[in-house]
Amino acid sequence: MYWVSGGDAGKFVESVEDAYKKVSKAGPSPLNLVDEEPEVETKQVITTPVE
């Protein structure tokens, strides 16, 4: 968390650069590594009612 007033442009720039470095160092989000489609193939089975 950074506390910067409206008149501290230099401090604001330093804060943004510091935050960017920390996020870059952390790497990609693990949430983006989740595949939306399952890796296992599924087969669709259609059944009809038997009387």
C-alpha atoms as a PDB file:
ATOM      1  CA  MET A   1       0.000   0.000   0.000  1.00  0.00           C
ATOM      2  CA  TYR A   2       1.303   3.392  -0.914  1.00  0.00           C
ATOM      3  CA  TRP A   3       0.313   6.787   0.430  1.00  0.00           C
ATOM      4  CA  VAL A   4       0.849   9.503  -2.159  1.00  0.00           C
ATOM      5  CA  SER A   5      -0.615  12.985  -2.241  1.00  0.00           C
ATOM      6  CA  GLY A   6      -1.575  14.844  -5.402  1.00  0.00           C
ATOM      7  CA  GLY A   7       1.599  16.945  -5.281  1.00  0.00           C
ATOM      8  CA  ASP A   8       4.009  14.005  -5.093  1.00  0.00           C
ATOM      9  CA  ALA A   9       4.389  13.117  -8.758  1.00  0.00           C
ATOM     10  CA  GLY A  10       7.890  11.713  -8.272  1.00  0.00           C
ATOM     11  CA  LYS A  11       6.786   9.541  -5.363  1.00  0.00           C
ATOM     12  CA  PHE A  12       3.820   8.333  -7.415  1.00  0.00           C
ATOM     13  CA  VAL A  13       6.114   7.256 -10.267  1.00  0.00           C
ATOM     14  CA  GLU A  14       8.392   5.410  -7.844  1.00  0.00           C
ATOM     15  CA  SER A  15       5.391   3.673  -6.261  1.00  0.00           C
ATOM     16  CA  VAL A  16       4.047   2.498  -9.627  1.00  0.00           C
ATOM     17  CA  GLU A  17       7.474   1.246 -10.713  1.00  0.00           C
ATOM     18  CA  ASP A  18       7.907  -0.619  -7.408  1.00  0.00           C
ATOM     19  CA  ALA A  19       4.459  -2.215  -7.662  1.00  0.00           C
ATOM     20  CA  TYR A  20       5.153  -3.229 -11.291  1.00  0.00           C
ATOM     21  CA  LYS A  21       8.433  -4.888 -10.285  1.00  0.00           C
ATOM     22  CA  LYS A  22       6.711  -6.846  -7.495  1.00  0.00           C
ATOM     23  CA  VAL A  23       3.919  -8.065  -9.783  1.00  0.00           C
ATOM     24  CA  SER A  24       6.375  -8.989 -12.535  1.00  0.00           C
ATOM     25  CA  LYS A  25       8.510 -10.921 -10.057  1.00  0.00           C
ATOM     26  CA  ALA A  26       5.454 -12.864  -8.840  1.00  0.00           C
ATOM     27  CA  GLY A  27       4.918 -14.228 -12.361  1.00  0.00           C
ATOM     28  CA  PRO A  28       1.725 -15.190 -14.141  1.00  0.00           C
ATOM     29  CA  SER A  29      -1.492 -15.753 -12.262  1.00  0.00           C
ATOM     30  CA  PRO A  30      -2.123 -19.420 -11.441  1.00  0.00           C
ATOM     31  CA  LEU A  31      -5.762 -18.808 -12.334  1.00  0.00           C
ATOM     32  CA  ASN A  32      -4.753 -18.273 -15.965  1.00  0.00           C
ATOM     33  CA  LEU A  33      -3.102 -21.701 -16.061  1.00  0.00           C
ATOM     34  CA  VAL A  34      -6.414 -23.542 -15.649  1.00  0.00           C
ATOM     35  CA  ASP A  35      -7.720 -24.998 -18.905  1.00  0.00           C
ATOM     36  CA  GLU A  36     -11.311 -24.273 -19.679  1.00  0.00           C
ATOM     37  CA  GLU A  37     -11.754 -27.577 -21.503  1.00  0.00           C
ATOM     38  CA  PRO A  38     -11.160 -30.924 -19.790  1.00  0.00           C
ATOM     39  CA  GLU A  39      -8.159 -32.937 -20.950  1.00  0.00           C
ATOM     40  CA  VAL A  40     -10.113 -36.211 -20.910  1.00  0.00           C
ATOM     41  CA  GLU A  41     -12.204 -36.981 -23.952  1.00  0.00           C
ATOM     42  CA  THR A  42     -15.858 -37.509 -23.204  1.00  0.00           C
ATOM     43  CA  LYS A  43     -18.351 -39.338 -25.367  1.00  0.00           C
ATOM     44  CA  GLN A  44     -21.940 -38.286 -25.648  1.00  0.00           C
ATOM     45  CA  VAL A  45     -24.361 -41.192 -25.207  1.00  0.00           C
ATOM     46  CA  ILE A  46     -27.919 -40.738 -26.396  1.00  0.00           C
ATOM     47  CA  THR A  47     -30.483 -43.119 -25.015  1.00  0.00           C
ATOM     48  CA  THR A  48     -34.137 -43.516 -25.798  1.00  0.00           C
ATOM     49  CA  PRO A  49     -36.789 -44.653 -23.368  1.00  0.00           C
ATOM     50  CA  VAL A  50     -37.668 -48.332 -23.572  1.00  0.00           C
ATOM     51  CA  GLU A  51     -41.333 -49.291 -23.268  1.00  0.00           C
END
